[in-house]
Every structure is written in structure tokens, then in C-alpha cells.
Amino acid sequence: MRLWHEQLISKLPRQQLLGQHREIAALRGNGWGKKHATVNYVFNYSPYKLYQFHLLVMHEMQRRGYRPNKKWFDPLYRGIHCDPYIILKKCPITNPIYPEHNDSYLKECLSNLASKGIIL
């Protein structure tokens, strides 16, 4: 499980883009708070930040002609197997959304993709 560096979202191949949507959906749902080495940093922030990141992914999906379920555009929605948030306070969007998405993380993501034969 990994959140790709946000600068890569528009460049990801189909499989990685759709996989990113699935992984974020899992994190927004029952995966929230479950430790995983590569995404633990998201739990240091409000779940609203993950929603903001998910919007980037879903807008790219739409740009490519995919139609993510409209329910995911609701920040309170957590999936069909998880109760929605009753309240989720908005937080300002930052650039990058996650400060961990720095130049070093970008290089790590590019290296990970290259190991899969994907050169961006």
C-alpha cells in the first residue's frame, strides 16, 4: 500500500491510478488507523486530508474517462462496510497535501515505479 507522490498522479499508468483509488478507499474506510509502513504518516493528520488527496486521484480518473462512485466525493463517506463520519472538520488544503511528499519521496516513488518497469 502506498500513496504515490501527488505530482505523479496525472502521469500514473491506468493500473496504478485505479489501484491508488482502491487503496485510498480502503484507508478511508475500515483501514483508517491500521498501521502500514508506507502510509503511517496519513494517520498523523485529519482524515479530511486523505479526502483531499482522494479528490486529486478521482479528478484524474474523471479526466481519463473513468467514473468513480459519486459517494466518494462526500468527505463523510467511508465505504459500504463502514459507518460514515458524523462530523469531519474541514482543514485547509496545503501544497503538498502531505508534507511527507517532498523531493526525497518523489524519488522513492519514481524508483518504485521503475522497479516495476514504469519510467515516468
PDB file of N, CA and C in Angstrom:
ATOM      1  N   MET A   1       0.853  -1.174   0.000  1.00  0.00           N
ATOM      2  CA  MET A   1       0.000   0.000   0.000  1.00  0.00           C
ATOM      3  C   MET A   1       0.894   1.231   0.000  1.00  0.00           C
ATOM      4  N   ARG A   2       0.574   2.185  -0.847  1.00  0.00           N
ATOM      5  CA  ARG A   2       1.368   3.396  -0.969  1.00  0.00           C
ATOM      6  C   ARG A   2       0.488   4.509  -1.518  1.00  0.00           C
ATOM      7  N   LEU A   3       0.732   5.718  -1.036  1.00  0.00           N
ATOM      8  CA  LEU A   3       0.172   6.889  -1.703  1.00  0.00           C
ATOM      9  C   LEU A   3       1.282   7.418  -2.596  1.00  0.00           C
ATOM     10  N   TRP A   4       1.018   7.469  -3.880  1.00  0.00           N
ATOM     11  CA  TRP A   4       2.021   7.999  -4.794  1.00  0.00           C
ATOM     12  C   TRP A   4       2.192   9.486  -4.536  1.00  0.00           C
ATOM     13  N   HIS A   5       3.372   9.983  -4.816  1.00  0.00           N
ATOM     14  CA  HIS A   5       3.623  11.421  -4.707  1.00  0.00           C
ATOM     15  C   HIS A   5       2.585  12.130  -5.563  1.00  0.00           C
ATOM     16  N   GLU A   6       2.009  13.198  -5.026  1.00  0.00           N
ATOM     17  CA  GLU A   6       0.889  13.833  -5.744  1.00  0.00           C
ATOM     18  C   GLU A   6       1.287  14.394  -7.102  1.00  0.00           C
ATOM     19  N   GLN A   7       2.569  14.716  -7.317  1.00  0.00           N
ATOM     20  CA  GLN A   7       2.999  15.192  -8.634  1.00  0.00           C
ATOM     21  C   GLN A   7       2.932  14.093  -9.693  1.00  0.00           C
ATOM     22  N   LEU A   8       2.833  12.849  -9.257  1.00  0.00           N
ATOM     23  CA  LEU A   8       2.809  11.723 -10.196  1.00  0.00           C
ATOM     24  C   LEU A   8       1.397  11.300 -10.599  1.00  0.00           C
ATOM     25  N   ILE A   9       0.395  11.758  -9.879  1.00  0.00           N
ATOM     26  CA  ILE A   9      -0.977  11.272 -10.106  1.00  0.00           C
ATOM     27  C   ILE A   9      -1.382  11.389 -11.573  1.00  0.00           C
ATOM     28  N   SER A  10      -1.111  12.522 -12.188  1.00  0.00           N
ATOM     29  CA  SER A  10      -1.539  12.718 -13.584  1.00  0.00           C
ATOM     30  C   SER A  10      -0.712  11.899 -14.573  1.00  0.00           C
ATOM     31  N   LYS A  11       0.405  11.337 -14.122  1.00  0.00           N
ATOM     32  CA  LYS A  11       1.289  10.581 -15.009  1.00  0.00           C
ATOM     33  C   LYS A  11       1.193   9.064 -14.808  1.00  0.00           C
ATOM     34  N   LEU A  12       0.493   8.643 -13.772  1.00  0.00           N
ATOM     35  CA  LEU A  12       0.432   7.214 -13.464  1.00  0.00           C
ATOM     36  C   LEU A  12      -0.262   6.424 -14.565  1.00  0.00           C
ATOM     37  N   PRO A  13       0.242   5.244 -14.869  1.00  0.00           N
ATOM     38  CA  PRO A  13      -0.482   4.360 -15.786  1.00  0.00           C
ATOM     39  C   PRO A  13      -1.823   3.962 -15.170  1.00  0.00           C
ATOM     40  N   ARG A  14      -2.694   3.481 -16.015  1.00  0.00           N
ATOM     41  CA  ARG A  14      -4.053   3.111 -15.615  1.00  0.00           C
ATOM     42  C   ARG A  14      -4.075   2.226 -14.366  1.00  0.00           C
ATOM     43  N   GLN A  15      -3.277   1.153 -14.374  1.00  0.00           N
ATOM     44  CA  GLN A  15      -3.300   0.201 -13.272  1.00  0.00           C
ATOM     45  C   GLN A  15      -2.933   0.868 -11.945  1.00  0.00           C
ATOM     46  N   GLN A  16      -1.927   1.716 -11.957  1.00  0.00           N
ATOM     47  CA  GLN A  16      -1.507   2.373 -10.716  1.00  0.00           C
ATOM     48  C   GLN A  16      -2.520   3.427 -10.276  1.00  0.00           C
ATOM     49  N   LEU A  17      -3.122   4.132 -11.226  1.00  0.00           N
ATOM     50  CA  LEU A  17      -4.125   5.137 -10.874  1.00  0.00           C
ATOM     51  C   LEU A  17      -5.345   4.482 -10.227  1.00  0.00           C
ATOM     52  N   LEU A  18      -5.857   3.428 -10.864  1.00  0.00           N
ATOM     53  CA  LEU A  18      -7.032   2.750 -10.318  1.00  0.00           C
ATOM     54  C   LEU A  18      -6.694   2.038  -9.010  1.00  0.00           C
ATOM     55  N   GLY A  19      -5.480   1.521  -8.906  1.00  0.00           N
ATOM     56  CA  GLY A  19      -5.033   0.916  -7.654  1.00  0.00           C
ATOM     57  C   GLY A  19      -4.949   1.951  -6.543  1.00  0.00           C
ATOM     58  N   GLN A  20      -4.531   3.159  -6.905  1.00  0.00           N
ATOM     59  CA  GLN A  20      -4.455   4.225  -5.912  1.00  0.00           C
ATOM     60  C   GLN A  20      -5.839   4.555  -5.368  1.00  0.00           C
ATOM     61  N   HIS A  21      -6.819   4.583  -6.247  1.00  0.00           N
ATOM     62  CA  HIS A  21      -8.201   4.831  -5.816  1.00  0.00           C
ATOM     63  C   HIS A  21      -8.652   3.750  -4.831  1.00  0.00           C
ATOM     64  N   ARG A  22      -8.386   2.492  -5.153  1.00  0.00           N
ATOM     65  CA  ARG A  22      -8.780   1.390  -4.262  1.00  0.00           C
ATOM     66  C   ARG A  22      -8.080   1.487  -2.904  1.00  0.00           C
ATOM     67  N   GLU A  23      -6.803   1.803  -2.923  1.00  0.00           N
ATOM     68  CA  GLU A  23      -6.052   1.893  -1.669  1.00  0.00           C
ATOM     69  C   GLU A  23      -6.544   3.046  -0.797  1.00  0.00           C
ATOM     70  N   ILE A  24      -6.834   4.170  -1.421  1.00  0.00           N
ATOM     71  CA  ILE A  24      -7.350   5.310  -0.653  1.00  0.00           C
ATOM     72  C   ILE A  24      -8.727   4.983  -0.100  1.00  0.00           C
ATOM     73  N   ALA A  25      -9.561   4.335  -0.907  1.00  0.00           N
ATOM     74  CA  ALA A  25     -10.888   3.943  -0.429  1.00  0.00           C
ATOM     75  C   ALA A  25     -10.762   3.028   0.785  1.00  0.00           C
ATOM     76  N   ALA A  26      -9.821   2.099   0.748  1.00  0.00           N
ATOM     77  CA  ALA A  26      -9.613   1.200   1.888  1.00  0.00           C
ATOM     78  C   ALA A  26      -9.144   1.983   3.109  1.00  0.00           C
ATOM     79  N   LEU A  27      -8.248   2.930   2.903  1.00  0.00           N
ATOM     80  CA  LEU A  27      -7.771   3.753   4.018  1.00  0.00           C
ATOM     81  C   LEU A  27      -8.880   4.625   4.589  1.00  0.00           C
ATOM     82  N   ARG A  28      -9.718   5.163   3.739  1.00  0.00           N
ATOM     83  CA  ARG A  28     -10.823   5.997   4.221  1.00  0.00           C
ATOM     84  C   ARG A  28     -11.842   5.172   4.994  1.00  0.00           C
ATOM     85  N   GLY A  29     -11.932   3.900   4.696  1.00  0.00           N
ATOM     86  CA  GLY A  29     -12.895   3.026   5.357  1.00  0.00           C
ATOM     87  C   GLY A  29     -12.300   2.361   6.573  1.00  0.00           C
ATOM     88  N   ASN A  30     -12.442   1.047   6.635  1.00  0.00           N
ATOM     89  CA  ASN A  30     -12.000   0.289   7.803  1.00  0.00           C
ATOM     90  C   ASN A  30     -10.483   0.217   7.955  1.00  0.00           C
ATOM     91  N   GLY A  31      -9.747   0.662   6.946  1.00  0.00           N
ATOM     92  CA  GLY A  31      -8.294   0.675   7.050  1.00  0.00           C
ATOM     93  C   GLY A  31      -7.750   1.852   7.833  1.00  0.00           C
ATOM     94  N   TRP A  32      -8.632   2.819   8.164  1.00  0.00           N
ATOM     95  CA  TRP A  32      -8.155   4.005   8.871  1.00  0.00           C
ATOM     96  C   TRP A  32      -7.564   3.606  10.220  1.00  0.00           C
ATOM     97  N   GLY A  33      -6.309   4.013  10.433  1.00  0.00           N
ATOM     98  CA  GLY A  33      -5.639   3.743  11.698  1.00  0.00           C
ATOM     99  C   GLY A  33      -4.901   2.416  11.746  1.00  0.00           C
ATOM    100  N   LYS A  34      -5.076   1.572  10.729  1.00  0.00           N
ATOM    101  CA  LYS A  34      -4.368   0.292  10.707  1.00  0.00           C
ATOM    102  C   LYS A  34      -2.973   0.514  10.133  1.00  0.00           C
ATOM    103  N   LYS A  35      -1.990   0.200  10.926  1.00  0.00           N
ATOM    104  CA  LYS A  35      -0.610   0.500  10.570  1.00  0.00           C
ATOM    105  C   LYS A  35      -0.166  -0.229   9.311  1.00  0.00           C
ATOM    106  N   HIS A  36       0.539   0.525   8.498  1.00  0.00           N
ATOM    107  CA  HIS A  36       1.201   0.002   7.311  1.00  0.00           C
ATOM    108  C   HIS A  36       2.392   0.917   7.060  1.00  0.00           C
ATOM    109  N   ALA A  37       3.552   0.350   6.985  1.00  0.00           N
ATOM    110  CA  ALA A  37       4.794   1.127   6.989  1.00  0.00           C
ATOM    111  C   ALA A  37       4.804   2.305   6.015  1.00  0.00           C
ATOM    112  N   THR A  38       4.305   2.123   4.809  1.00  0.00           N
ATOM    113  CA  THR A  38       4.440   3.192   3.814  1.00  0.00           C
ATOM    114  C   THR A  38       3.366   4.273   3.914  1.00  0.00           C
ATOM    115  N   VAL A  39       2.310   4.043   4.682  1.00  0.00           N
ATOM    116  CA  VAL A  39       1.256   5.072   4.778  1.00  0.00           C
ATOM    117  C   VAL A  39       0.972   5.527   6.205  1.00  0.00           C
ATOM    118  N   ASN A  40       1.763   5.111   7.158  1.00  0.00           N
ATOM    119  CA  ASN A  40       1.501   5.501   8.548  1.00  0.00           C
ATOM    120  C   ASN A  40       1.388   7.004   8.734  1.00  0.00           C
ATOM    121  N   TYR A  41       2.108   7.783   7.939  1.00  0.00           N
ATOM    122  CA  TYR A  41       2.084   9.231   8.102  1.00  0.00           C
ATOM    123  C   TYR A  41       0.696   9.828   7.919  1.00  0.00           C
ATOM    124  N   VAL A  42      -0.177   9.197   7.148  1.00  0.00           N
ATOM    125  CA  VAL A  42      -1.507   9.775   6.932  1.00  0.00           C
ATOM    126  C   VAL A  42      -2.309   9.821   8.234  1.00  0.00           C
ATOM    127  N   PHE A  43      -1.999   8.923   9.161  1.00  0.00           N
ATOM    128  CA  PHE A  43      -2.743   8.876  10.415  1.00  0.00           C
ATOM    129  C   PHE A  43      -2.338   9.988  11.380  1.00  0.00           C
ATOM    130  N   ASN A  44      -1.294  10.745  11.036  1.00  0.00           N
ATOM    131  CA  ASN A  44      -0.886  11.902  11.835  1.00  0.00           C
ATOM    132  C   ASN A  44      -1.725  13.134  11.531  1.00  0.00           C
ATOM    133  N   TYR A  45      -2.610  13.023  10.547  1.00  0.00           N
ATOM    134  CA  TYR A  45      -3.407  14.150  10.083  1.00  0.00           C
ATOM    135  C   TYR A  45      -4.891  13.801  10.132  1.00  0.00           C
ATOM    136  N   SER A  46      -5.694  14.801   9.944  1.00  0.00           N
ATOM    137  CA  SER A  46      -7.139  14.586   9.870  1.00  0.00           C
ATOM    138  C   SER A  46      -7.469  13.701   8.668  1.00  0.00           C
ATOM    139  N   PRO A  47      -8.474  12.845   8.794  1.00  0.00           N
ATOM    140  CA  PRO A  47      -8.922  12.063   7.632  1.00  0.00           C
ATOM    141  C   PRO A  47      -9.366  12.970   6.472  1.00  0.00           C
ATOM    142  N   TYR A  48      -9.621  14.232   6.783  1.00  0.00           N
ATOM    143  CA  TYR A  48     -10.027  15.156   5.715  1.00  0.00           C
ATOM    144  C   TYR A  48      -8.891  15.344   4.704  1.00  0.00           C
ATOM    145  N   LYS A  49      -7.652  15.266   5.159  1.00  0.00           N
ATOM    146  CA  LYS A  49      -6.519  15.381   4.232  1.00  0.00           C
ATOM    147  C   LYS A  49      -6.511  14.205   3.248  1.00  0.00           C
ATOM    148  N   LEU A  50      -6.843  13.023   3.737  1.00  0.00           N
ATOM    149  CA  LEU A  50      -6.914  11.870   2.845  1.00  0.00           C
ATOM    150  C   LEU A  50      -8.025  12.078   1.823  1.00  0.00           C
ATOM    151  N   TYR A  51      -9.125  12.657   2.250  1.00  0.00           N
ATOM    152  CA  TYR A  51     -10.210  13.008   1.323  1.00  0.00           C
ATOM    153  C   TYR A  51      -9.685  13.977   0.255  1.00  0.00           C
ATOM    154  N   GLN A  52      -8.924  14.990   0.657  1.00  0.00           N
ATOM    155  CA  GLN A  52      -8.368  15.954  -0.298  1.00  0.00           C
ATOM    156  C   GLN A  52      -7.472  15.241  -1.313  1.00  0.00           C
ATOM    157  N   PHE A  53      -6.657  14.317  -0.828  1.00  0.00           N
ATOM    158  CA  PHE A  53      -5.783  13.568  -1.721  1.00  0.00           C
ATOM    159  C   PHE A  53      -6.611  12.688  -2.659  1.00  0.00           C
ATOM    160  N   HIS A  54      -7.648  12.089  -2.123  1.00  0.00           N
ATOM    161  CA  HIS A  54      -8.531  11.235  -2.921  1.00  0.00           C
ATOM    162  C   HIS A  54      -9.177  12.049  -4.043  1.00  0.00           C
ATOM    163  N   LEU A  55      -9.531  13.289  -3.751  1.00  0.00           N
ATOM    164  CA  LEU A  55     -10.103  14.147  -4.794  1.00  0.00           C
ATOM    165  C   LEU A  55      -9.145  14.310  -5.970  1.00  0.00           C
ATOM    166  N   LEU A  56      -7.853  14.481  -5.692  1.00  0.00           N
ATOM    167  CA  LEU A  56      -6.864  14.579  -6.778  1.00  0.00           C
ATOM    168  C   LEU A  56      -6.927  13.339  -7.672  1.00  0.00           C
ATOM    169  N   VAL A  57      -6.975  12.190  -7.027  1.00  0.00           N
ATOM    170  CA  VAL A  57      -6.996  10.928  -7.763  1.00  0.00           C
ATOM    171  C   VAL A  57      -8.298  10.794  -8.556  1.00  0.00           C
ATOM    172  N   MET A  58      -9.417  11.092  -7.924  1.00  0.00           N
ATOM    173  CA  MET A  58     -10.710  10.936  -8.610  1.00  0.00           C
ATOM    174  C   MET A  58     -10.869  11.931  -9.753  1.00  0.00           C
ATOM    175  N   HIS A  59     -10.355  13.136  -9.594  1.00  0.00           N
ATOM    176  CA  HIS A  59     -10.436  14.103 -10.695  1.00  0.00           C
ATOM    177  C   HIS A  59      -9.586  13.645 -11.880  1.00  0.00           C
ATOM    178  N   GLU A  60      -8.444  13.048 -11.598  1.00  0.00           N
ATOM    179  CA  GLU A  60      -7.622  12.484 -12.678  1.00  0.00           C
ATOM    180  C   GLU A  60      -8.348  11.310 -13.332  1.00  0.00           C
ATOM    181  N   MET A  61      -9.004  10.497 -12.539  1.00  0.00           N
ATOM    182  CA  MET A  61      -9.781   9.383 -13.097  1.00  0.00           C
ATOM    183  C   MET A  61     -10.855   9.929 -14.043  1.00  0.00           C
ATOM    184  N   GLN A  62     -11.567  10.954 -13.602  1.00  0.00           N
ATOM    185  CA  GLN A  62     -12.614  11.548 -14.438  1.00  0.00           C
ATOM    186  C   GLN A  62     -12.024  12.133 -15.716  1.00  0.00           C
ATOM    187  N   ARG A  63     -10.867  12.779 -15.593  1.00  0.00           N
ATOM    188  CA  ARG A  63     -10.219  13.365 -16.767  1.00  0.00           C
ATOM    189  C   ARG A  63      -9.929  12.288 -17.814  1.00  0.00           C
ATOM    190  N   ARG A  64      -9.653  11.080 -17.340  1.00  0.00           N
ATOM    191  CA  ARG A  64      -9.353   9.964 -18.248  1.00  0.00           C
ATOM    192  C   ARG A  64     -10.595   9.180 -18.668  1.00  0.00           C
ATOM    193  N   GLY A  65     -11.749   9.606 -18.227  1.00  0.00           N
ATOM    194  CA  GLY A  65     -12.983   8.958 -18.653  1.00  0.00           C
ATOM    195  C   GLY A  65     -13.536   7.928 -17.689  1.00  0.00           C
ATOM    196  N   TYR A  66     -12.905   7.735 -16.550  1.00  0.00           N
ATOM    197  CA  TYR A  66     -13.428   6.811 -15.543  1.00  0.00           C
ATOM    198  C   TYR A  66     -14.481   7.528 -14.710  1.00  0.00           C
ATOM    199  N   ARG A  67     -15.351   6.738 -14.088  1.00  0.00           N
ATOM    200  CA  ARG A  67     -16.425   7.325 -13.287  1.00  0.00           C
ATOM    201  C   ARG A  67     -16.419   6.741 -11.884  1.00  0.00           C
ATOM    202  N   PRO A  68     -15.612   7.334 -10.998  1.00  0.00           N
ATOM    203  CA  PRO A  68     -15.641   6.828  -9.611  1.00  0.00           C
ATOM    204  C   PRO A  68     -17.016   7.051  -9.002  1.00  0.00           C
ATOM    205  N   ASN A  69     -17.400   6.183  -8.089  1.00  0.00           N
ATOM    206  CA  ASN A  69     -18.692   6.305  -7.422  1.00  0.00           C
ATOM    207  C   ASN A  69     -18.812   7.696  -6.798  1.00  0.00           C
ATOM    208  N   LYS A  70     -19.909   8.370  -7.083  1.00  0.00           N
ATOM    209  CA  LYS A  70     -20.110   9.739  -6.593  1.00  0.00           C
ATOM    210  C   LYS A  70     -20.106   9.834  -5.078  1.00  0.00           C
ATOM    211  N   LYS A  71     -20.397   8.723  -4.414  1.00  0.00           N
ATOM    212  CA  LYS A  71     -20.406   8.739  -2.948  1.00  0.00           C
ATOM    213  C   LYS A  71     -19.043   9.114  -2.376  1.00  0.00           C
ATOM    214  N   TRP A  72     -17.955   8.753  -3.101  1.00  0.00           N
ATOM    215  CA  TRP A  72     -16.614   9.050  -2.599  1.00  0.00           C
ATOM    216  C   TRP A  72     -16.310  10.555  -2.595  1.00  0.00           C
ATOM    217  N   PHE A  73     -17.107  11.337  -3.299  1.00  0.00           N
ATOM    218  CA  PHE A  73     -16.896  12.790  -3.311  1.00  0.00           C
ATOM    219  C   PHE A  73     -17.459  13.456  -2.055  1.00  0.00           C
ATOM    220  N   ASP A  74     -18.108  12.686  -1.217  1.00  0.00           N
ATOM    221  CA  ASP A  74     -18.611  13.161   0.078  1.00  0.00           C
ATOM    222  C   ASP A  74     -17.533  12.883   1.124  1.00  0.00           C
ATOM    223  N   PRO A  75     -17.011  13.916   1.787  1.00  0.00           N
ATOM    224  CA  PRO A  75     -15.926  13.677   2.754  1.00  0.00           C
ATOM    225  C   PRO A  75     -16.335  12.800   3.939  1.00  0.00           C
ATOM    226  N   LEU A  76     -17.625  12.666   4.193  1.00  0.00           N
ATOM    227  CA  LEU A  76     -18.093  11.851   5.315  1.00  0.00           C
ATOM    228  C   LEU A  76     -18.189  10.368   4.961  1.00  0.00           C
ATOM    229  N   TYR A  77     -18.232  10.066   3.671  1.00  0.00           N
ATOM    230  CA  TYR A  77     -18.410   8.689   3.206  1.00  0.00           C
ATOM    231  C   TYR A  77     -17.152   7.867   3.476  1.00  0.00           C
ATOM    232  N   ARG A  78     -17.351   6.624   3.935  1.00  0.00           N
ATOM    233  CA  ARG A  78     -16.227   5.752   4.264  1.00  0.00           C
ATOM    234  C   ARG A  78     -16.356   4.377   3.618  1.00  0.00           C
ATOM    235  N   GLY A  79     -17.294   4.213   2.715  1.00  0.00           N
ATOM    236  CA  GLY A  79     -17.464   2.931   2.046  1.00  0.00           C
ATOM    237  C   GLY A  79     -18.692   2.193   2.554  1.00  0.00           C
ATOM    238  N   ILE A  80     -19.052   1.121   1.841  1.00  0.00           N
ATOM    239  CA  ILE A  80     -20.296   0.417   2.159  1.00  0.00           C
ATOM    240  C   ILE A  80     -20.200  -0.412   3.432  1.00  0.00           C
ATOM    241  N   HIS A  81     -18.969  -0.718   3.881  1.00  0.00           N
ATOM    242  CA  HIS A  81     -18.803  -1.549   5.075  1.00  0.00           C
ATOM    243  C   HIS A  81     -18.374  -0.755   6.299  1.00  0.00           C
ATOM    244  N   CYS A  82     -18.550   0.552   6.240  1.00  0.00           N
ATOM    245  CA  CYS A  82     -18.059   1.405   7.322  1.00  0.00           C
ATOM    246  C   CYS A  82     -19.048   2.548   7.533  1.00  0.00           C
ATOM    247  N   ASP A  83     -19.369   2.812   8.778  1.00  0.00           N
ATOM    248  CA  ASP A  83     -20.275   3.928   9.061  1.00  0.00           C
ATOM    249  C   ASP A  83     -19.626   5.246   8.650  1.00  0.00           C
ATOM    250  N   PRO A  84     -20.411   6.173   8.108  1.00  0.00           N
ATOM    251  CA  PRO A  84     -19.840   7.470   7.723  1.00  0.00           C
ATOM    252  C   PRO A  84     -19.448   8.275   8.963  1.00  0.00           C
ATOM    253  N   TYR A  85     -18.602   9.256   8.736  1.00  0.00           N
ATOM    254  CA  TYR A  85     -18.315  10.200   9.814  1.00  0.00           C
ATOM    255  C   TYR A  85     -19.578  10.994  10.084  1.00  0.00           C
ATOM    256  N   ILE A  86     -19.826  11.317  11.324  1.00  0.00           N
ATOM    257  CA  ILE A  86     -20.933  12.206  11.676  1.00  0.00           C
ATOM    258  C   ILE A  86     -20.470  13.645  11.440  1.00  0.00           C
ATOM    259  N   ILE A  87     -19.261  13.919  11.900  1.00  0.00           N
ATOM    260  CA  ILE A  87     -18.652  15.238  11.717  1.00  0.00           C
ATOM    261  C   ILE A  87     -17.210  15.013  11.289  1.00  0.00           C
ATOM    262  N   LEU A  88     -16.778  15.746  10.296  1.00  0.00           N
ATOM    263  CA  LEU A  88     -15.387  15.736   9.874  1.00  0.00           C
ATOM    264  C   LEU A  88     -15.033  17.175   9.533  1.00  0.00           C
ATOM    265  N   LYS A  89     -14.271  17.776  10.404  1.00  0.00           N
ATOM    266  CA  LYS A  89     -13.926  19.182  10.242  1.00  0.00           C
ATOM    267  C   LYS A  89     -13.030  19.376   9.024  1.00  0.00           C
ATOM    268  N   LYS A  90     -13.405  20.349   8.195  1.00  0.00           N
ATOM    269  CA  LYS A  90     -12.589  20.686   7.036  1.00  0.00           C
ATOM    270  C   LYS A  90     -11.258  21.241   7.514  1.00  0.00           C
ATOM    271  N   CYS A  91     -10.233  20.978   6.744  1.00  0.00           N
ATOM    272  CA  CYS A  91      -8.950  21.602   7.024  1.00  0.00           C
ATOM    273  C   CYS A  91      -8.446  22.220   5.715  1.00  0.00           C
ATOM    274  N   PRO A  92      -7.661  23.273   5.827  1.00  0.00           N
ATOM    275  CA  PRO A  92      -7.198  23.937   4.600  1.00  0.00           C
ATOM    276  C   PRO A  92      -6.313  23.006   3.782  1.00  0.00           C
ATOM    277  N   ILE A  93      -6.429  23.144   2.489  1.00  0.00           N
ATOM    278  CA  ILE A  93      -5.578  22.334   1.617  1.00  0.00           C
ATOM    279  C   ILE A  93      -4.186  22.962   1.608  1.00  0.00           C
ATOM    280  N   THR A  94      -3.191  22.125   1.635  1.00  0.00           N
ATOM    281  CA  THR A  94      -1.809  22.582   1.616  1.00  0.00           C
ATOM    282  C   THR A  94      -1.135  22.063   0.358  1.00  0.00           C
ATOM    283  N   ASN A  95       0.006  22.604   0.047  1.00  0.00           N
ATOM    284  CA  ASN A  95       0.748  22.169  -1.126  1.00  0.00           C
ATOM    285  C   ASN A  95       2.174  21.842  -0.700  1.00  0.00           C
ATOM    286  N   PRO A  96       2.523  20.584  -0.643  1.00  0.00           N
ATOM    287  CA  PRO A  96       1.715  19.413  -0.969  1.00  0.00           C
ATOM    288  C   PRO A  96       0.688  19.129   0.131  1.00  0.00           C
ATOM    289  N   ILE A  97      -0.262  18.278  -0.179  1.00  0.00           N
ATOM    290  CA  ILE A  97      -1.284  17.927   0.807  1.00  0.00           C
ATOM    291  C   ILE A  97      -0.620  17.303   2.026  1.00  0.00           C
ATOM    292  N   TYR A  98       0.307  16.378   1.788  1.00  0.00           N
ATOM    293  CA  TYR A  98       1.078  15.768   2.868  1.00  0.00           C
ATOM    294  C   TYR A  98       2.515  16.273   2.771  1.00  0.00           C
ATOM    295  N   PRO A  99       3.032  16.890   3.835  1.00  0.00           N
ATOM    296  CA  PRO A  99       4.412  17.401   3.765  1.00  0.00           C
ATOM    297  C   PRO A  99       5.440  16.299   3.513  1.00  0.00           C
ATOM    298  N   GLU A 100       5.085  15.073   3.801  1.00  0.00           N
ATOM    299  CA  GLU A 100       5.981  13.946   3.536  1.00  0.00           C
ATOM    300  C   GLU A 100       6.217  13.745   2.037  1.00  0.00           C
ATOM    301  N   HIS A 101       5.360  14.319   1.210  1.00  0.00           N
ATOM    302  CA  HIS A 101       5.513  14.200  -0.245  1.00  0.00           C
ATOM    303  C   HIS A 101       6.509  15.260  -0.728  1.00  0.00           C
ATOM    304  N   ASN A 102       7.747  15.079  -0.314  1.00  0.00           N
ATOM    305  CA  ASN A 102       8.814  16.008  -0.661  1.00  0.00           C
ATOM    306  C   ASN A 102       9.634  15.424  -1.817  1.00  0.00           C
ATOM    307  N   ASP A 103      10.754  16.075  -2.148  1.00  0.00           N
ATOM    308  CA  ASP A 103      11.579  15.618  -3.271  1.00  0.00           C
ATOM    309  C   ASP A 103      12.137  14.214  -3.042  1.00  0.00           C
ATOM    310  N   SER A 104      12.498  13.926  -1.810  1.00  0.00           N
ATOM    311  CA  SER A 104      13.026  12.600  -1.482  1.00  0.00           C
ATOM    312  C   SER A 104      11.954  11.532  -1.716  1.00  0.00           C
ATOM    313  N   TYR A 105      10.721  11.814  -1.310  1.00  0.00           N
ATOM    314  CA  TYR A 105       9.628  10.866  -1.504  1.00  0.00           C
ATOM    315  C   TYR A 105       9.310  10.704  -2.994  1.00  0.00           C
ATOM    316  N   LEU A 106       9.414  11.790  -3.746  1.00  0.00           N
ATOM    317  CA  LEU A 106       9.196  11.719  -5.190  1.00  0.00           C
ATOM    318  C   LEU A 106      10.202  10.756  -5.815  1.00  0.00           C
ATOM    319  N   LYS A 107      11.466  10.876  -5.427  1.00  0.00           N
ATOM    320  CA  LYS A 107      12.499   9.985  -5.959  1.00  0.00           C
ATOM    321  C   LYS A 107      12.222   8.534  -5.564  1.00  0.00           C
ATOM    322  N   GLU A 108      11.772   8.337  -4.326  1.00  0.00           N
ATOM    323  CA  GLU A 108      11.439   6.987  -3.863  1.00  0.00           C
ATOM    324  C   GLU A 108      10.308   6.392  -4.696  1.00  0.00           C
ATOM    325  N   CYS A 109       9.295   7.197  -4.977  1.00  0.00           N
ATOM    326  CA  CYS A 109       8.161   6.715  -5.780  1.00  0.00           C
ATOM    327  C   CYS A 109       8.604   6.410  -7.212  1.00  0.00           C
ATOM    328  N   LEU A 110       9.432   7.276  -7.782  1.00  0.00           N
ATOM    329  CA  LEU A 110       9.918   7.046  -9.144  1.00  0.00           C
ATOM    330  C   LEU A 110      10.751   5.771  -9.211  1.00  0.00           C
ATOM    331  N   SER A 111      11.550   5.540  -8.185  1.00  0.00           N
ATOM    332  CA  SER A 111      12.354   4.322  -8.121  1.00  0.00           C
ATOM    333  C   SER A 111      11.456   3.091  -7.997  1.00  0.00           C
ATOM    334  N   ASN A 112      10.420   3.189  -7.189  1.00  0.00           N
ATOM    335  CA  ASN A 112       9.476   2.086  -7.020  1.00  0.00           C
ATOM    336  C   ASN A 112       8.804   1.766  -8.356  1.00  0.00           C
ATOM    337  N   LEU A 113       8.370   2.801  -9.062  1.00  0.00           N
ATOM    338  CA  LEU A 113       7.735   2.586 -10.365  1.00  0.00           C
ATOM    339  C   LEU A 113       8.730   1.976 -11.360  1.00  0.00           C
ATOM    340  N   ALA A 114       9.965   2.481 -11.342  1.00  0.00           N
ATOM    341  CA  ALA A 114      10.990   1.955 -12.255  1.00  0.00           C
ATOM    342  C   ALA A 114      11.235   0.475 -12.011  1.00  0.00           C
ATOM    343  N   SER A 115      11.164   0.065 -10.740  1.00  0.00           N
ATOM    344  CA  SER A 115      11.357  -1.360 -10.425  1.00  0.00           C
ATOM    345  C   SER A 115      10.245  -2.218 -11.008  1.00  0.00           C
ATOM    346  N   LYS A 116       9.127  -1.596 -11.349  1.00  0.00           N
ATOM    347  CA  LYS A 116       8.003  -2.291 -11.983  1.00  0.00           C
ATOM    348  C   LYS A 116       8.044  -2.134 -13.504  1.00  0.00           C
ATOM    349  N   GLY A 117       9.116  -1.487 -14.013  1.00  0.00           N
ATOM    350  CA  GLY A 117       9.251  -1.275 -15.447  1.00  0.00           C
ATOM    351  C   GLY A 117       8.523  -0.044 -15.939  1.00  0.00           C
ATOM    352  N   ILE A 118       8.129   0.842 -15.032  1.00  0.00           N
ATOM    353  CA  ILE A 118       7.397   2.053 -15.405  1.00  0.00           C
ATOM    354  C   ILE A 118       8.326   3.246 -15.248  1.00  0.00           C
ATOM    355  N   ILE A 119       8.672   3.859 -16.358  1.00  0.00           N
ATOM    356  CA  ILE A 119       9.563   5.014 -16.355  1.00  0.00           C
ATOM    357  C   ILE A 119       8.738   6.251 -16.684  1.00  0.00           C
ATOM    358  N   LEU A 120       8.708   7.193 -15.744  1.00  0.00           N
ATOM    359  CA  LEU A 120       7.955   8.431 -15.956  1.00  0.00           C
ATOM    360  C   LEU A 120       8.916   9.592 -16.163  1.00  0.00           C
TER     361      LEU A 120
END
